Amino acid sequence: MNTSRSPADPRHVIARRAAREVSRGQIINLGIGLPTLIPHYVDAASGVWIHSENGILGVGPSGDDDALDSELIDAGAGTCRSCPAGRWSIARCRSA
């Protein structure tokens, strides 16, 4: 996914607008696609917890730098960050 933050990119216009709807202390669940851009626009000091569809609670914005862990991915299979207090659950499936 292109993570360019161009002011003209309609996806980022929508993500910025959606981030303004988030209130302090809320837990929000993000799905695949455009919602994965919202963490770029939520203030880290807001006390908002972002949950990704793959079980991460405390998702931060994606990025392109070398410090990213390629095994920590968001619901859209893009790399993401976890906030310092972030947690994730691992579900184990077994066949019957």
Protein backbone atom coordinates (compact mmCIF):
# COMPACT_ATOMS: atom_id res chain seq x y z
CA MET A 1 0.00 0.00 0.00
CA ASN A 2 1.23 3.45 -0.83
CA THR A 3 1.75 5.31 2.46
CA SER A 4 2.51 8.67 0.84
CA ARG A 5 1.00 11.40 3.00
CA SER A 6 0.22 13.75 0.14
CA PRO A 7 -2.47 16.26 1.16
CA ALA A 8 -4.14 15.60 -2.20
CA ASP A 9 -4.37 11.82 -1.74
CA PRO A 10 -8.09 11.18 -1.09
CA ARG A 11 -7.33 8.16 1.13
CA HIS A 12 -5.31 10.35 3.49
CA VAL A 13 -7.95 13.09 3.44
CA ILE A 14 -10.48 10.49 4.63
CA ALA A 15 -8.05 8.99 7.19
CA ARG A 16 -7.33 12.45 8.68
CA ARG A 17 -11.06 13.12 8.93
CA ALA A 18 -11.73 9.74 10.56
CA ALA A 19 -8.94 10.34 13.09
CA ARG A 20 -10.71 13.54 14.19
CA GLU A 21 -13.73 11.43 15.18
CA VAL A 22 -11.69 9.41 17.68
CA SER A 23 -12.07 10.52 21.30
CA ARG A 24 -9.49 10.37 24.07
CA GLY A 25 -9.28 6.93 25.68
CA GLN A 26 -11.27 5.06 23.03
CA ILE A 27 -10.35 1.64 21.71
CA ILE A 28 -10.93 1.49 17.98
CA ASN A 29 -10.76 -1.50 15.67
CA LEU A 30 -9.27 -1.04 12.23
CA GLY A 31 -9.92 -3.25 9.25
CA ILE A 32 -8.06 -3.71 6.00
CA GLY A 33 -7.35 -0.94 3.49
CA LEU A 34 -7.89 2.74 4.14
CA PRO A 35 -8.47 2.30 7.92
CA THR A 36 -4.84 1.19 8.32
CA LEU A 37 -3.85 4.81 7.52
CA ILE A 38 -5.70 6.24 10.54
CA PRO A 39 -2.84 5.59 13.05
CA HIS A 40 -0.77 8.15 11.10
CA TYR A 41 -3.20 10.85 12.23
CA VAL A 42 -4.04 9.85 15.83
CA ASP A 43 -1.92 11.72 18.37
CA ALA A 44 0.19 9.27 20.38
CA ALA A 45 -0.59 11.23 23.57
CA SER A 46 -4.36 10.88 23.05
CA GLY A 47 -4.66 7.67 25.04
CA VAL A 48 -6.39 5.97 22.10
CA TRP A 49 -5.80 2.24 21.71
CA ILE A 50 -5.90 0.97 18.15
CA HIS A 51 -6.73 -2.68 17.54
CA SER A 52 -5.89 -4.39 14.27
CA GLU A 53 -7.86 -7.29 12.82
CA ASN A 54 -4.90 -9.61 13.36
CA GLY A 55 -4.91 -9.28 17.16
CA ILE A 56 -2.57 -6.35 17.87
CA LEU A 57 -3.83 -3.93 20.52
CA GLY A 58 -1.70 -0.81 20.43
CA VAL A 59 -1.00 -0.45 16.71
CA GLY A 60 1.03 2.51 15.58
CA PRO A 61 1.59 3.91 12.10
CA SER A 62 3.35 1.96 9.40
CA GLY A 63 6.64 3.14 8.04
CA ASP A 64 9.41 2.43 5.63
CA ASP A 65 12.47 2.65 7.86
CA ASP A 66 14.85 -0.24 8.53
CA ALA A 67 13.90 -0.44 12.23
CA LEU A 68 10.52 -2.01 11.41
CA ASP A 69 10.03 -5.67 12.26
CA SER A 70 8.93 -7.34 9.02
CA GLU A 71 7.01 -9.95 11.04
CA LEU A 72 4.79 -7.38 12.77
CA ILE A 73 2.08 -6.68 10.23
CA ASP A 74 -1.30 -4.97 10.23
CA ALA A 75 -4.55 -6.43 8.91
CA GLY A 76 -3.61 -5.41 5.36
CA ALA A 77 -0.27 -7.28 5.53
CA GLY A 78 1.69 -4.01 5.72
CA THR A 79 4.37 -3.49 8.33
CA CYS A 80 3.24 -1.57 11.39
CA ARG A 81 4.54 -0.45 14.74
CA SER A 82 3.38 -1.37 18.19
CA CYS A 83 3.18 1.32 20.85
CA PRO A 84 5.43 0.75 23.92
CA ALA A 85 2.56 -0.78 25.92
CA GLY A 86 1.09 -2.62 22.92
CA ARG A 87 0.04 -6.23 23.16
CA TRP A 88 -0.86 -8.89 20.67
CA SER A 89 -2.58 -12.22 20.90
CA ILE A 90 -1.69 -15.31 18.96
CA ALA A 91 -4.49 -17.69 18.14
CA ARG A 92 -3.65 -21.28 17.50
CA CYS A 93 -5.80 -23.27 15.11
CA ARG A 94 -5.80 -27.00 14.93
CA SER A 95 -7.57 -29.32 12.57
CA ALA A 96 -10.26 -31.66 13.84
